[in-house]
Amino acid sequence: GGAGVHVLLEMNGGTEAYKRALACLAPLGRMVVYGAASGDTRGTFEPVGLMHKNLTVCGYYLTPLLEHPELCVPALSELAAMVVDGRVRVNVERYSFEEASIAHARMESRASVGKLVLVP
């Protein structure tokens, strides 16, 4: 209905991606930055622009959280259970070593979803 989203998970990175993502947020919305797939790790935005809709931007990186198991183990355990019982599926595309160029082209073009695995 055009009201915007409450939570946006941003993994592209870069100034233009940040601007587009922030524009999608509903009032009191939150953008969680967890990657920079575009390679642009130096994206910027104007913090004052967050004020009129009371927006929040935060970063997430799992590795430092592993030093605080009380913060991440409950969620990771729940996620693992969801994978085991099929509520969450991981898409895996398998390619032979001879098809490595095809797998690489799919990855570069962003045509793949999930993981690409080379198998003998």
Protein backbone atom coordinates (compact mmCIF):
# COMPACT_ATOMS: atom_id res chain seq x y z
CA GLY A 1 0.00 0.00 0.00
CA GLY A 2 2.98 2.34 -0.27
CA ALA A 3 3.43 2.70 3.49
CA GLY A 4 6.97 1.33 3.36
CA VAL A 5 8.63 -1.60 5.08
CA HIS A 6 9.42 -1.91 8.76
CA VAL A 7 12.71 -3.80 8.41
CA LEU A 8 15.00 -3.81 5.39
CA LEU A 9 18.02 -6.13 5.14
CA GLU A 10 20.63 -4.37 3.00
CA MET A 11 23.54 -6.35 1.58
CA ASN A 12 24.40 -4.52 -1.64
CA GLY A 13 26.33 -1.57 -0.23
CA GLY A 14 27.05 1.78 -1.77
CA THR A 15 25.54 5.24 -1.58
CA GLU A 16 22.82 4.68 -4.19
CA ALA A 17 21.69 1.39 -2.63
CA TYR A 18 21.51 3.07 0.79
CA LYS A 19 19.44 5.96 -0.58
CA ARG A 20 16.99 3.59 -2.32
CA ALA A 21 16.71 1.40 0.79
CA LEU A 22 16.07 4.32 3.13
CA ALA A 23 13.37 5.62 0.79
CA CYS A 24 11.55 2.26 1.15
CA LEU A 25 11.34 2.41 4.94
CA ALA A 26 8.12 3.18 6.78
CA PRO A 27 8.17 5.63 9.67
CA LEU A 28 10.09 4.05 12.59
CA GLY A 29 11.65 1.60 10.10
CA ARG A 30 15.03 -0.04 10.49
CA MET A 31 17.71 -0.81 7.89
CA VAL A 32 20.18 -3.55 8.83
CA VAL A 33 23.39 -3.41 6.78
CA TYR A 34 25.05 -6.83 6.62
CA GLY A 35 27.08 -6.88 3.42
CA ALA A 36 28.52 -5.07 0.42
CA ALA A 37 27.95 -7.38 -2.54
CA SER A 38 28.49 -4.48 -4.94
CA GLY A 39 32.04 -4.10 -3.65
CA ASP A 40 31.28 -0.52 -2.59
CA THR A 41 32.12 -0.53 1.10
CA ARG A 42 32.26 3.25 1.38
CA GLY A 43 28.62 4.15 0.79
CA THR A 44 27.28 7.20 2.58
CA PHE A 45 23.98 8.80 3.55
CA GLU A 46 22.98 11.90 5.50
CA PRO A 47 22.20 10.99 9.13
CA VAL A 48 19.97 14.06 9.48
CA GLY A 49 17.76 12.49 6.78
CA LEU A 50 16.84 9.74 9.26
CA MET A 51 15.11 12.12 11.62
CA HIS A 52 11.89 13.03 9.80
CA LYS A 53 10.69 9.39 9.80
CA ASN A 54 12.56 8.32 12.98
CA LEU A 55 14.57 5.73 11.07
CA THR A 56 17.29 3.48 12.43
CA VAL A 57 20.32 2.11 10.59
CA CYS A 58 22.48 -0.57 12.16
CA GLY A 59 25.20 -2.93 11.05
CA TYR A 60 25.38 -6.67 11.59
CA TYR A 61 28.40 -8.94 11.35
CA LEU A 62 28.27 -12.42 12.88
CA THR A 63 31.96 -13.05 13.59
CA PRO A 64 32.33 -10.62 16.54
CA LEU A 65 29.06 -11.91 18.01
CA LEU A 66 30.52 -15.39 18.29
CA GLU A 67 32.59 -14.05 21.20
CA HIS A 68 29.25 -13.56 23.00
CA PRO A 69 27.42 -16.88 22.65
CA GLU A 70 24.56 -15.70 24.84
CA LEU A 71 23.67 -13.22 22.09
CA CYS A 72 23.81 -15.51 19.07
CA VAL A 73 23.42 -19.16 20.09
CA PRO A 74 19.64 -19.03 20.68
CA ALA A 75 18.95 -17.54 17.24
CA LEU A 76 21.47 -19.80 15.46
CA SER A 77 19.97 -22.86 17.19
CA GLU A 78 16.49 -21.85 16.05
CA LEU A 79 17.73 -21.28 12.50
CA ALA A 80 19.46 -24.68 12.44
CA ALA A 81 16.23 -26.35 13.60
CA MET A 82 14.31 -24.56 10.83
CA VAL A 83 16.78 -25.89 8.24
CA VAL A 84 16.57 -29.43 9.64
CA ASP A 85 12.77 -29.54 9.60
CA GLY A 86 12.50 -27.90 6.18
CA ARG A 87 11.01 -24.52 7.12
CA VAL A 88 14.13 -22.88 5.67
CA ARG A 89 15.74 -24.29 2.57
CA VAL A 90 19.22 -23.57 1.31
CA ASN A 91 19.41 -23.53 -2.48
CA VAL A 92 22.55 -25.28 -3.73
CA GLU A 93 23.52 -25.36 -7.40
CA ARG A 94 26.05 -28.09 -8.19
CA TYR A 95 28.48 -27.95 -11.11
CA SER A 96 31.22 -30.29 -12.24
CA PHE A 97 34.76 -28.94 -12.45
CA GLU A 98 34.32 -28.88 -16.22
CA GLU A 99 31.34 -26.53 -15.71
CA ALA A 100 33.25 -24.12 -13.47
CA SER A 101 33.09 -21.36 -16.09
CA ILE A 102 29.29 -21.67 -16.20
CA ALA A 103 29.08 -21.46 -12.39
CA HIS A 104 31.41 -18.46 -12.38
CA ALA A 105 29.37 -16.70 -15.07
CA ARG A 106 26.16 -17.28 -13.06
CA MET A 107 27.81 -15.86 -9.97
CA GLU A 108 29.20 -12.80 -11.80
CA SER A 109 25.85 -12.08 -13.46
CA ARG A 110 24.02 -12.54 -10.15
CA ALA A 111 21.76 -15.08 -11.83
CA SER A 112 22.27 -17.60 -9.04
CA VAL A 113 20.39 -17.76 -5.77
CA GLY A 114 22.00 -19.54 -2.83
CA LYS A 115 25.28 -21.40 -3.03
CA LEU A 116 27.28 -22.58 -6.03
CA VAL A 117 29.31 -25.73 -5.42
CA LEU A 118 31.88 -27.40 -7.66
CA VAL A 119 31.85 -31.19 -7.33
CA PRO A 120 34.22 -33.74 -8.83
